Amino acid sequence: MENKASNKHESMPEDIIHLKRLKEGDSRSFDFLFNKYYKDLVLFSCVFLKERESSEDIVQDLFFRLWENRENLTIESSLKAYLLTAVRNSCFEELRHQEVVRTHQNYVMGSSNLIDYNTEHYLLYSDLNDHLQEAIKKLPEDMRTIFEMNRFKNLKYREIAEELNVSVRTVESKISKSLEFLRNHLSGFYDLILLFIINLMR
């Protein structure tokens, strides 16, 4: 009987297990969920607020309320969807407070090709990174090296050219071909991948 209960517990989705423990006051489960979702939620908030410090405040406040209200917590969707929805709503409240919500909402809603508001299916930035890394691995070695030096090490074309002993024009060509390659291999969320890269470079 005990083994059956143990097997059933092990088969439960990870978030559900930690959410159950969180409601019972387990601080380790709170830490686990915080570490799992914090960075992704901050980046998601940045899509709306365009400002990292305010985004961090919103996410930290969300987790504070999550802990404070843990005993009465009721989540009917997945935890990911619940957290994303809460962050989105907090962002709109912040924008409303700044008296620019109407203009900004029109902009955001007009950018629906970038953002999937179905929070159950929204791709976290960590998921996007997995897709991006897989596509980058498929780049020819010379293109991959130059692309990573520019996008992830934030080196300028001239600096890359000097380090690799090639012309600036060669670097420009390799970057252009790399972006075209990624556009073809990441169809469907290429624009969101670019937004992810921009956030990495900040």
N, C-alpha and C. Protein backbone atom coordinates (compact mmCIF):
# COMPACT_ATOMS: atom_id res chain seq x y z
N MET A 1 0.83 -1.20 0.00
CA MET A 1 0.00 0.00 0.00
C MET A 1 0.87 1.26 0.00
N GLU A 2 1.92 1.22 0.85
CA GLU A 2 2.86 2.34 0.93
C GLU A 2 3.61 2.53 -0.37
N ASN A 3 3.99 1.38 -1.03
CA ASN A 3 4.69 1.45 -2.30
C ASN A 3 3.82 2.08 -3.38
N LYS A 4 2.52 1.73 -3.38
CA LYS A 4 1.62 2.29 -4.38
C LYS A 4 1.51 3.80 -4.20
N ALA A 5 1.40 4.25 -2.97
CA ALA A 5 1.31 5.69 -2.72
C ALA A 5 2.59 6.39 -3.15
N SER A 6 3.73 5.73 -2.91
CA SER A 6 5.02 6.31 -3.30
C SER A 6 5.14 6.41 -4.80
N ASN A 7 4.72 5.34 -5.52
CA ASN A 7 4.79 5.34 -6.98
C ASN A 7 3.88 6.41 -7.57
N LYS A 8 2.71 6.56 -6.98
CA LYS A 8 1.78 7.58 -7.46
C LYS A 8 2.37 8.97 -7.28
N HIS A 9 3.05 9.19 -6.14
CA HIS A 9 3.67 10.48 -5.86
C HIS A 9 4.79 10.78 -6.85
N GLU A 10 5.58 9.75 -7.17
CA GLU A 10 6.70 9.93 -8.08
C GLU A 10 6.24 10.22 -9.50
N SER A 11 5.04 9.75 -9.87
CA SER A 11 4.55 9.93 -11.23
C SER A 11 3.90 11.30 -11.43
N MET A 12 3.65 12.03 -10.33
CA MET A 12 3.03 13.35 -10.43
C MET A 12 4.00 14.34 -11.07
N PRO A 13 3.47 15.29 -11.87
CA PRO A 13 4.34 16.32 -12.45
C PRO A 13 5.10 17.06 -11.36
N GLU A 14 6.32 17.44 -11.68
CA GLU A 14 7.22 18.06 -10.72
C GLU A 14 6.62 19.29 -10.05
N ASP A 15 6.00 20.19 -10.85
CA ASP A 15 5.43 21.41 -10.28
C ASP A 15 4.33 21.10 -9.27
N ILE A 16 3.51 20.10 -9.56
CA ILE A 16 2.41 19.76 -8.67
C ILE A 16 2.94 19.27 -7.33
N ILE A 17 3.99 18.46 -7.37
CA ILE A 17 4.59 17.96 -6.14
C ILE A 17 5.11 19.11 -5.28
N HIS A 18 5.86 20.02 -5.91
CA HIS A 18 6.44 21.13 -5.14
C HIS A 18 5.37 22.13 -4.70
N LEU A 19 4.32 22.28 -5.51
CA LEU A 19 3.22 23.18 -5.12
C LEU A 19 2.50 22.63 -3.90
N LYS A 20 2.30 21.34 -3.86
CA LYS A 20 1.66 20.69 -2.71
C LYS A 20 2.52 20.89 -1.46
N ARG A 21 3.82 20.70 -1.60
CA ARG A 21 4.72 20.89 -0.46
C ARG A 21 4.79 22.35 -0.03
N LEU A 22 4.73 23.25 -1.02
CA LEU A 22 4.74 24.68 -0.73
C LEU A 22 3.55 25.04 0.15
N LYS A 23 2.37 24.53 -0.19
CA LYS A 23 1.16 24.82 0.57
C LYS A 23 1.27 24.29 2.00
N GLU A 24 2.12 23.30 2.18
CA GLU A 24 2.34 22.74 3.52
C GLU A 24 3.45 23.48 4.27
N GLY A 25 4.03 24.50 3.62
CA GLY A 25 5.04 25.32 4.28
C GLY A 25 6.47 24.90 4.04
N ASP A 26 6.71 24.09 3.00
CA ASP A 26 8.06 23.61 2.71
C ASP A 26 8.85 24.70 1.98
N SER A 27 9.80 25.32 2.67
CA SER A 27 10.57 26.42 2.07
C SER A 27 11.49 25.93 0.96
N ARG A 28 11.90 24.66 1.00
CA ARG A 28 12.76 24.13 -0.05
C ARG A 28 12.02 24.04 -1.37
N SER A 29 10.75 23.70 -1.32
CA SER A 29 9.95 23.67 -2.55
C SER A 29 9.73 25.08 -3.08
N PHE A 30 9.56 26.04 -2.17
CA PHE A 30 9.45 27.44 -2.59
C PHE A 30 10.72 27.87 -3.31
N ASP A 31 11.88 27.55 -2.73
CA ASP A 31 13.17 27.90 -3.35
C ASP A 31 13.30 27.25 -4.72
N PHE A 32 12.87 25.99 -4.82
CA PHE A 32 12.96 25.28 -6.10
C PHE A 32 12.15 25.99 -7.17
N LEU A 33 10.90 26.35 -6.86
CA LEU A 33 10.03 27.00 -7.84
C LEU A 33 10.53 28.41 -8.16
N PHE A 34 11.05 29.09 -7.16
CA PHE A 34 11.62 30.43 -7.39
C PHE A 34 12.78 30.35 -8.37
N ASN A 35 13.70 29.44 -8.11
CA ASN A 35 14.88 29.30 -8.98
C ASN A 35 14.51 28.82 -10.38
N LYS A 36 13.46 28.02 -10.48
CA LYS A 36 13.05 27.49 -11.77
C LYS A 36 12.43 28.57 -12.66
N TYR A 37 11.62 29.46 -12.07
CA TYR A 37 10.82 30.38 -12.87
C TYR A 37 11.27 31.85 -12.81
N TYR A 38 12.11 32.22 -11.86
CA TYR A 38 12.38 33.64 -11.64
C TYR A 38 12.91 34.35 -12.90
N LYS A 39 13.99 33.82 -13.48
CA LYS A 39 14.60 34.50 -14.63
C LYS A 39 13.63 34.59 -15.81
N ASP A 40 12.93 33.51 -16.08
CA ASP A 40 11.98 33.51 -17.20
C ASP A 40 10.87 34.53 -16.98
N LEU A 41 10.38 34.63 -15.76
CA LEU A 41 9.29 35.57 -15.47
C LEU A 41 9.77 37.02 -15.57
N VAL A 42 11.01 37.28 -15.15
CA VAL A 42 11.56 38.63 -15.29
C VAL A 42 11.66 39.02 -16.77
N LEU A 43 12.15 38.10 -17.58
CA LEU A 43 12.27 38.36 -19.02
C LEU A 43 10.89 38.55 -19.66
N PHE A 44 9.91 37.77 -19.21
CA PHE A 44 8.54 37.91 -19.71
C PHE A 44 7.99 39.28 -19.33
N SER A 45 8.24 39.72 -18.11
CA SER A 45 7.80 41.03 -17.67
C SER A 45 8.46 42.14 -18.47
N CYS A 46 9.72 41.94 -18.85
CA CYS A 46 10.45 42.95 -19.64
C CYS A 46 9.82 43.17 -21.01
N VAL A 47 9.13 42.17 -21.52
CA VAL A 47 8.43 42.33 -22.80
C VAL A 47 7.42 43.46 -22.70
N PHE A 48 6.78 43.61 -21.54
CA PHE A 48 5.76 44.63 -21.34
C PHE A 48 6.35 45.95 -20.83
N LEU A 49 7.21 45.86 -19.83
CA LEU A 49 7.68 47.07 -19.16
C LEU A 49 8.93 47.67 -19.78
N LYS A 50 9.70 46.85 -20.52
CA LYS A 50 10.94 47.31 -21.15
C LYS A 50 11.95 47.83 -20.12
N GLU A 51 11.83 47.38 -18.88
CA GLU A 51 12.70 47.89 -17.83
C GLU A 51 12.93 46.79 -16.81
N ARG A 52 14.19 46.40 -16.63
CA ARG A 52 14.50 45.20 -15.84
C ARG A 52 14.23 45.37 -14.35
N GLU A 53 14.58 46.51 -13.77
CA GLU A 53 14.42 46.68 -12.33
C GLU A 53 12.96 46.56 -11.91
N SER A 54 12.07 47.22 -12.65
CA SER A 54 10.64 47.12 -12.36
C SER A 54 10.14 45.70 -12.55
N SER A 55 10.67 45.03 -13.56
CA SER A 55 10.27 43.64 -13.82
C SER A 55 10.68 42.73 -12.67
N GLU A 56 11.89 42.94 -12.15
CA GLU A 56 12.35 42.15 -11.01
C GLU A 56 11.49 42.40 -9.78
N ASP A 57 11.09 43.67 -9.58
CA ASP A 57 10.23 44.00 -8.44
C ASP A 57 8.89 43.27 -8.53
N ILE A 58 8.34 43.23 -9.74
CA ILE A 58 7.04 42.58 -9.93
C ILE A 58 7.14 41.09 -9.64
N VAL A 59 8.18 40.44 -10.13
CA VAL A 59 8.32 39.00 -9.94
C VAL A 59 8.62 38.68 -8.48
N GLN A 60 9.46 39.47 -7.85
CA GLN A 60 9.76 39.25 -6.43
C GLN A 60 8.50 39.41 -5.58
N ASP A 61 7.69 40.40 -5.91
CA ASP A 61 6.44 40.62 -5.19
C ASP A 61 5.48 39.45 -5.40
N LEU A 62 5.47 38.91 -6.61
CA LEU A 62 4.61 37.76 -6.91
C LEU A 62 4.99 36.57 -6.03
N PHE A 63 6.27 36.28 -5.94
CA PHE A 63 6.71 35.14 -5.13
C PHE A 63 6.50 35.40 -3.63
N PHE A 64 6.62 36.66 -3.22
CA PHE A 64 6.33 37.00 -1.82
C PHE A 64 4.88 36.69 -1.50
N ARG A 65 3.97 37.11 -2.39
CA ARG A 65 2.54 36.85 -2.18
C ARG A 65 2.23 35.36 -2.26
N LEU A 66 2.96 34.67 -3.15
CA LEU A 66 2.77 33.22 -3.28
C LEU A 66 3.07 32.52 -1.96
N TRP A 67 4.14 32.95 -1.30
CA TRP A 67 4.53 32.35 -0.01
C TRP A 67 3.57 32.75 1.10
N GLU A 68 3.22 34.05 1.13
CA GLU A 68 2.35 34.56 2.18
C GLU A 68 0.95 33.92 2.13
N ASN A 69 0.46 33.65 0.92
CA ASN A 69 -0.90 33.13 0.75
C ASN A 69 -0.91 31.64 0.40
N ARG A 70 0.19 30.95 0.70
CA ARG A 70 0.35 29.56 0.27
C ARG A 70 -0.76 28.63 0.76
N GLU A 71 -1.25 28.84 1.98
CA GLU A 71 -2.24 27.93 2.54
C GLU A 71 -3.58 28.02 1.83
N ASN A 72 -3.88 29.19 1.26
CA ASN A 72 -5.16 29.40 0.57
C ASN A 72 -5.01 29.42 -0.94
N LEU A 73 -3.85 28.98 -1.42
CA LEU A 73 -3.56 29.04 -2.85
C LEU A 73 -4.42 28.05 -3.64
N THR A 74 -5.09 28.56 -4.67
CA THR A 74 -5.89 27.70 -5.56
C THR A 74 -5.48 27.98 -6.99
N ILE A 75 -4.92 26.99 -7.65
CA ILE A 75 -4.46 27.14 -9.04
C ILE A 75 -5.18 26.12 -9.91
N GLU A 76 -6.02 26.61 -10.82
CA GLU A 76 -6.81 25.71 -11.66
C GLU A 76 -6.10 25.36 -12.96
N SER A 77 -5.15 26.20 -13.36
CA SER A 77 -4.36 25.93 -14.57
C SER A 77 -3.03 25.33 -14.14
N SER A 78 -2.07 25.25 -15.05
CA SER A 78 -0.72 24.83 -14.66
C SER A 78 -0.07 25.97 -13.87
N LEU A 79 0.95 25.64 -13.09
CA LEU A 79 1.65 26.68 -12.32
C LEU A 79 2.30 27.69 -13.25
N LYS A 80 2.88 27.21 -14.36
CA LYS A 80 3.51 28.12 -15.32
C LYS A 80 2.50 29.14 -15.84
N ALA A 81 1.32 28.67 -16.23
CA ALA A 81 0.29 29.57 -16.75
C ALA A 81 -0.17 30.55 -15.67
N TYR A 82 -0.29 30.06 -14.45
CA TYR A 82 -0.70 30.91 -13.32
C TYR A 82 0.30 32.04 -13.10
N LEU A 83 1.59 31.69 -13.09
CA LEU A 83 2.63 32.69 -12.84
C LEU A 83 2.73 33.70 -13.98
N LEU A 84 2.67 33.21 -15.22
CA LEU A 84 2.73 34.11 -16.38
C LEU A 84 1.55 35.07 -16.39
N THR A 85 0.36 34.56 -16.09
CA THR A 85 -0.83 35.40 -16.06
C THR A 85 -0.73 36.45 -14.96
N ALA A 86 -0.23 36.04 -13.80
CA ALA A 86 -0.07 36.98 -12.68
C ALA A 86 0.94 38.08 -13.03
N VAL A 87 2.04 37.71 -13.66
CA VAL A 87 3.04 38.70 -14.06
C VAL A 87 2.45 39.65 -15.10
N ARG A 88 1.77 39.11 -16.08
CA ARG A 88 1.16 39.95 -17.12
C ARG A 88 0.19 40.94 -16.51
N ASN A 89 -0.67 40.49 -15.60
CA ASN A 89 -1.65 41.38 -14.98
C ASN A 89 -0.97 42.45 -14.13
N SER A 90 0.09 42.07 -13.43
CA SER A 90 0.84 43.05 -12.63
C SER A 90 1.51 44.10 -13.51
N CYS A 91 1.98 43.66 -14.67
CA CYS A 91 2.59 44.61 -15.61
C CYS A 91 1.57 45.63 -16.10
N PHE A 92 0.37 45.17 -16.42
CA PHE A 92 -0.66 46.10 -16.87
C PHE A 92 -1.08 47.05 -15.76
N GLU A 93 -1.08 46.56 -14.51
CA GLU A 93 -1.39 47.45 -13.39
C GLU A 93 -0.32 48.52 -13.24
N GLU A 94 0.94 48.11 -13.43
CA GLU A 94 2.04 49.07 -13.34
C GLU A 94 1.95 50.10 -14.46
N LEU A 95 1.63 49.65 -15.66
CA LEU A 95 1.49 50.58 -16.79
C LEU A 95 0.32 51.52 -16.58
N ARG A 96 -0.75 50.99 -16.00
CA ARG A 96 -1.91 51.84 -15.71
C ARG A 96 -1.53 52.92 -14.70
N HIS A 97 -0.73 52.52 -13.74
CA HIS A 97 -0.27 53.47 -12.73
C HIS A 97 0.57 54.57 -13.39
N GLN A 98 1.29 54.23 -14.41
CA GLN A 98 2.12 55.21 -15.12
C GLN A 98 1.31 56.02 -16.14
N GLU A 99 0.03 55.72 -16.24
CA GLU A 99 -0.89 56.44 -17.14
C GLU A 99 -0.50 56.33 -18.61
N VAL A 100 0.12 55.20 -18.95
CA VAL A 100 0.43 55.00 -20.36
C VAL A 100 -0.11 53.65 -20.84
N VAL A 101 -0.96 53.03 -20.05
CA VAL A 101 -1.38 51.68 -20.36
C VAL A 101 -2.13 51.59 -21.69
N ARG A 102 -2.96 52.57 -21.99
CA ARG A 102 -3.76 52.47 -23.21
C ARG A 102 -2.89 52.45 -24.46
N THR A 103 -1.92 53.36 -24.51
CA THR A 103 -1.03 53.40 -25.67
C THR A 103 -0.18 52.14 -25.75
N HIS A 104 0.32 51.72 -24.62
CA HIS A 104 1.21 50.56 -24.61
C HIS A 104 0.46 49.27 -24.93
N GLN A 105 -0.77 49.12 -24.41
CA GLN A 105 -1.55 47.92 -24.70
C GLN A 105 -1.82 47.80 -26.19
N ASN A 106 -2.12 48.94 -26.83
CA ASN A 106 -2.35 48.91 -28.27
C ASN A 106 -1.12 48.42 -29.00
N TYR A 107 0.05 48.86 -28.54
CA TYR A 107 1.32 48.42 -29.14
C TYR A 107 1.52 46.92 -28.92
N VAL A 108 1.30 46.47 -27.69
CA VAL A 108 1.52 45.06 -27.37
C VAL A 108 0.56 44.18 -28.14
N MET A 109 -0.73 44.55 -28.15
CA MET A 109 -1.72 43.74 -28.86
C MET A 109 -1.44 43.73 -30.36
N GLY A 110 -0.84 44.82 -30.86
CA GLY A 110 -0.49 44.86 -32.27
C GLY A 110 0.72 44.02 -32.60
N SER A 111 1.42 43.55 -31.56
CA SER A 111 2.61 42.72 -31.75
C SER A 111 2.29 41.26 -31.41
N SER A 112 1.08 40.84 -31.72
CA SER A 112 0.66 39.49 -31.34
C SER A 112 1.46 38.41 -32.05
N ASN A 113 2.16 38.76 -33.15
CA ASN A 113 3.01 37.78 -33.81
C ASN A 113 4.23 37.44 -32.97
N LEU A 114 4.56 38.31 -31.99
CA LEU A 114 5.70 38.07 -31.14
C LEU A 114 5.31 37.35 -29.85
N ILE A 115 4.09 37.56 -29.36
CA ILE A 115 3.72 37.08 -28.04
C ILE A 115 2.46 36.23 -28.11
N ASP A 116 2.53 35.00 -27.62
CA ASP A 116 1.39 34.12 -27.54
C ASP A 116 0.76 34.31 -26.17
N TYR A 117 -0.47 34.89 -26.12
CA TYR A 117 -1.09 35.17 -24.84
C TYR A 117 -1.81 33.97 -24.27
N ASN A 118 -1.78 32.84 -24.96
CA ASN A 118 -2.26 31.61 -24.35
C ASN A 118 -1.17 31.11 -23.43
N THR A 119 -1.29 31.42 -22.15
CA THR A 119 -0.19 31.16 -21.22
C THR A 119 0.09 29.69 -21.03
N GLU A 120 -0.85 28.83 -21.34
CA GLU A 120 -0.60 27.39 -21.25
C GLU A 120 0.44 26.96 -22.27
N HIS A 121 0.49 27.67 -23.41
CA HIS A 121 1.38 27.27 -24.51
C HIS A 121 2.50 28.26 -24.74
N TYR A 122 2.60 29.28 -23.89
CA TYR A 122 3.64 30.28 -24.06
C TYR A 122 5.02 29.62 -23.90
N LEU A 123 5.94 29.94 -24.81
CA LEU A 123 7.30 29.41 -24.74
C LEU A 123 8.14 30.24 -23.78
N LEU A 124 8.64 29.62 -22.72
CA LEU A 124 9.54 30.31 -21.81
C LEU A 124 10.85 30.60 -22.53
N TYR A 125 11.55 31.62 -22.06
CA TYR A 125 12.81 31.98 -22.70
C TYR A 125 13.84 30.86 -22.59
N SER A 126 13.76 30.07 -21.51
CA SER A 126 14.66 28.93 -21.40
C SER A 126 14.36 27.90 -22.49
N ASP A 127 13.06 27.77 -22.85
CA ASP A 127 12.70 26.87 -23.95
C ASP A 127 13.23 27.41 -25.28
N LEU A 128 13.10 28.73 -25.47
CA LEU A 128 13.60 29.34 -26.69
C LEU A 128 15.11 29.15 -26.81
N ASN A 129 15.80 29.25 -25.68
CA ASN A 129 17.24 29.06 -25.70
C ASN A 129 17.61 27.67 -26.19
N ASP A 130 16.83 26.67 -25.79
CA ASP A 130 17.09 25.30 -26.25
C ASP A 130 16.98 25.22 -27.77
N HIS A 131 15.92 25.83 -28.33
CA HIS A 131 15.74 25.83 -29.78
C HIS A 131 16.89 26.58 -30.46
N LEU A 132 17.27 27.72 -29.89
CA LEU A 132 18.33 28.52 -30.47
C LEU A 132 19.65 27.77 -30.48
N GLN A 133 20.00 27.14 -29.35
CA GLN A 133 21.27 26.42 -29.26
C GLN A 133 21.32 25.26 -30.24
N GLU A 134 20.21 24.57 -30.41
CA GLU A 134 20.16 23.46 -31.36
C GLU A 134 20.39 23.95 -32.78
N ALA A 135 19.78 25.10 -33.12
CA ALA A 135 19.95 25.66 -34.47
C ALA A 135 21.37 26.16 -34.68
N ILE A 136 21.96 26.78 -33.65
CA ILE A 136 23.33 27.30 -33.76
C ILE A 136 24.31 26.16 -34.01
N LYS A 137 24.08 25.01 -33.39
CA LYS A 137 24.96 23.86 -33.57
C LYS A 137 25.01 23.41 -35.03
N LYS A 138 23.96 23.71 -35.79
CA LYS A 138 23.88 23.28 -37.18
C LYS A 138 24.59 24.26 -38.13
N LEU A 139 24.98 25.41 -37.61
CA LEU A 139 25.71 26.37 -38.44
C LEU A 139 27.09 25.81 -38.80
N PRO A 140 27.61 26.11 -40.00
CA PRO A 140 29.00 25.77 -40.31
C PRO A 140 29.92 26.40 -39.26
N GLU A 141 31.04 25.75 -38.97
CA GLU A 141 31.88 26.16 -37.85
C GLU A 141 32.33 27.62 -37.94
N ASP A 142 32.74 28.07 -39.14
CA ASP A 142 33.22 29.45 -39.25
C ASP A 142 32.10 30.46 -39.00
N MET A 143 30.88 30.14 -39.48
CA MET A 143 29.74 31.02 -39.25
C MET A 143 29.34 31.02 -37.78
N ARG A 144 29.36 29.83 -37.16
CA ARG A 144 28.97 29.72 -35.75
C ARG A 144 29.92 30.51 -34.86
N THR A 145 31.22 30.41 -35.14
CA THR A 145 32.21 31.12 -34.33
C THR A 145 31.98 32.63 -34.38
N ILE A 146 31.80 33.17 -35.57
CA ILE A 146 31.61 34.61 -35.74
C ILE A 146 30.28 35.05 -35.13
N PHE A 147 29.23 34.26 -35.32
CA PHE A 147 27.92 34.61 -34.77
C PHE A 147 27.97 34.67 -33.24
N GLU A 148 28.58 33.67 -32.62
CA GLU A 148 28.65 33.63 -31.16
C GLU A 148 29.52 34.77 -30.61
N MET A 149 30.59 35.11 -31.31
CA MET A 149 31.45 36.21 -30.86
C MET A 149 30.69 37.53 -30.89
N ASN A 150 29.83 37.69 -31.89
CA ASN A 150 29.08 38.94 -32.02
C ASN A 150 27.87 38.98 -31.09
N ARG A 151 27.08 37.92 -31.07
CA ARG A 151 25.82 37.95 -30.34
C ARG A 151 25.94 37.66 -28.85
N PHE A 152 26.88 36.81 -28.47
CA PHE A 152 26.98 36.40 -27.08
C PHE A 152 28.17 37.00 -26.35
N LYS A 153 29.25 37.31 -27.09
CA LYS A 153 30.40 37.97 -26.46
C LYS A 153 30.35 39.48 -26.70
N ASN A 154 29.36 39.90 -27.52
CA ASN A 154 29.12 41.32 -27.78
C ASN A 154 30.32 42.04 -28.40
N LEU A 155 31.07 41.31 -29.26
CA LEU A 155 32.20 41.92 -29.95
C LEU A 155 31.72 42.60 -31.22
N LYS A 156 32.34 43.72 -31.56
CA LYS A 156 32.00 44.43 -32.78
C LYS A 156 32.63 43.74 -33.98
N TYR A 157 32.09 44.04 -35.17
CA TYR A 157 32.59 43.39 -36.38
C TYR A 157 34.10 43.60 -36.53
N ARG A 158 34.55 44.82 -36.25
CA ARG A 158 35.98 45.13 -36.41
C ARG A 158 36.82 44.29 -35.45
N GLU A 159 36.35 44.13 -34.21
CA GLU A 159 37.08 43.35 -33.22
C GLU A 159 37.16 41.88 -33.61
N ILE A 160 36.06 41.37 -34.16
CA ILE A 160 36.05 39.97 -34.62
C ILE A 160 37.02 39.79 -35.78
N ALA A 161 36.98 40.73 -36.72
CA ALA A 161 37.86 40.66 -37.88
C ALA A 161 39.33 40.64 -37.46
N GLU A 162 39.69 41.48 -36.51
CA GLU A 162 41.08 41.54 -36.04
C GLU A 162 41.48 40.26 -35.33
N GLU A 163 40.58 39.71 -34.53
CA GLU A 163 40.90 38.50 -33.76
C GLU A 163 41.04 37.29 -34.66
N LEU A 164 40.21 37.22 -35.72
CA LEU A 164 40.24 36.06 -36.61
C LEU A 164 41.09 36.29 -37.86
N ASN A 165 41.64 37.52 -37.98
CA ASN A 165 42.48 37.86 -39.13
C ASN A 165 41.73 37.71 -40.45
N VAL A 166 40.51 38.25 -40.47
CA VAL A 166 39.70 38.27 -41.70
C VAL A 166 39.22 39.70 -41.90
N SER A 167 38.60 39.97 -43.03
CA SER A 167 38.11 41.32 -43.30
C SER A 167 36.78 41.56 -42.60
N VAL A 168 36.48 42.83 -42.35
CA VAL A 168 35.20 43.21 -41.75
C VAL A 168 34.05 42.77 -42.66
N ARG A 169 34.27 42.86 -43.96
CA ARG A 169 33.24 42.46 -44.91
C ARG A 169 32.92 40.97 -44.77
N THR A 170 33.96 40.17 -44.53
CA THR A 170 33.74 38.73 -44.32
C THR A 170 32.88 38.50 -43.09
N VAL A 171 33.16 39.23 -42.02
CA VAL A 171 32.38 39.10 -40.78
C VAL A 171 30.93 39.47 -41.04
N GLU A 172 30.71 40.60 -41.73
CA GLU A 172 29.35 41.03 -42.05
C GLU A 172 28.60 39.97 -42.83
N SER A 173 29.29 39.37 -43.81
CA SER A 173 28.67 38.35 -44.65
C SER A 173 28.30 37.11 -43.83
N LYS A 174 29.21 36.68 -42.93
CA LYS A 174 28.95 35.50 -42.11
C LYS A 174 27.77 35.72 -41.15
N ILE A 175 27.70 36.92 -40.57
CA ILE A 175 26.59 37.24 -39.66
C ILE A 175 25.27 37.23 -40.41
N SER A 176 25.27 37.84 -41.59
CA SER A 176 24.06 37.90 -42.41
C SER A 176 23.60 36.50 -42.80
N LYS A 177 24.53 35.65 -43.21
CA LYS A 177 24.19 34.27 -43.59
C LYS A 177 23.72 33.47 -42.38
N SER A 178 24.30 33.73 -41.22
CA SER A 178 23.90 33.03 -40.00
C SER A 178 22.45 33.37 -39.63
N LEU A 179 22.12 34.66 -39.71
CA LEU A 179 20.75 35.09 -39.40
C LEU A 179 19.75 34.51 -40.38
N GLU A 180 20.14 34.44 -41.65
CA GLU A 180 19.26 33.86 -42.65
C GLU A 180 19.05 32.37 -42.38
N PHE A 181 20.12 31.69 -41.99
CA PHE A 181 20.04 30.26 -41.65
C PHE A 181 19.10 30.05 -40.46
N LEU A 182 19.26 30.87 -39.42
CA LEU A 182 18.41 30.73 -38.23
C LEU A 182 16.96 31.06 -38.54
N ARG A 183 16.75 32.05 -39.40
CA ARG A 183 15.38 32.41 -39.79
C ARG A 183 14.69 31.22 -40.45
N ASN A 184 15.42 30.49 -41.28
CA ASN A 184 14.84 29.33 -41.97
C ASN A 184 14.61 28.15 -41.02
N HIS A 185 15.49 28.00 -40.02
CA HIS A 185 15.40 26.84 -39.12
C HIS A 185 14.55 27.11 -37.88
N LEU A 186 14.19 28.37 -37.66
CA LEU A 186 13.40 28.71 -36.48
C LEU A 186 12.10 29.39 -36.87
N SER A 187 11.56 29.02 -37.99
CA SER A 187 10.32 29.63 -38.47
C SER A 187 9.23 29.41 -37.43
N GLY A 188 8.44 30.46 -37.19
CA GLY A 188 7.37 30.35 -36.21
C GLY A 188 7.65 31.16 -34.95
N PHE A 189 8.93 31.22 -34.54
CA PHE A 189 9.25 32.05 -33.39
C PHE A 189 10.61 32.72 -33.55
N TYR A 190 11.01 33.00 -34.79
CA TYR A 190 12.30 33.66 -35.04
C TYR A 190 12.35 35.04 -34.40
N ASP A 191 11.26 35.83 -34.50
CA ASP A 191 11.24 37.17 -33.92
C ASP A 191 11.40 37.12 -32.40
N LEU A 192 10.78 36.12 -31.77
CA LEU A 192 10.89 35.98 -30.32
C LEU A 192 12.30 35.55 -29.93
N ILE A 193 12.94 34.73 -30.78
CA ILE A 193 14.34 34.35 -30.54
C ILE A 193 15.22 35.60 -30.56
N LEU A 194 14.99 36.49 -31.52
CA LEU A 194 15.77 37.73 -31.60
C LEU A 194 15.60 38.56 -30.33
N LEU A 195 14.35 38.62 -29.81
CA LEU A 195 14.11 39.34 -28.57
C LEU A 195 14.88 38.71 -27.43
N PHE A 196 14.94 37.38 -27.42
CA PHE A 196 15.70 36.66 -26.40
C PHE A 196 17.19 37.03 -26.48
N ILE A 197 17.75 37.07 -27.70
CA ILE A 197 19.16 37.40 -27.88
C ILE A 197 19.43 38.83 -27.39
N ILE A 198 18.51 39.76 -27.67
CA ILE A 198 18.68 41.13 -27.25
C ILE A 198 18.76 41.21 -25.73
N ASN A 199 17.89 40.45 -25.03
CA ASN A 199 17.90 40.45 -23.57
C ASN A 199 19.20 39.85 -23.03
N LEU A 200 19.74 38.85 -23.73
CA LEU A 200 21.01 38.26 -23.31
C LEU A 200 22.14 39.26 -23.38
N MET A 201 22.08 40.15 -24.37
CA MET A 201 23.18 41.07 -24.62
C MET A 201 23.15 42.29 -23.71
N ARG A 202 22.08 42.44 -22.90
CA ARG A 202 22.00 43.60 -22.02
C ARG A 202 22.93 43.46 -20.84
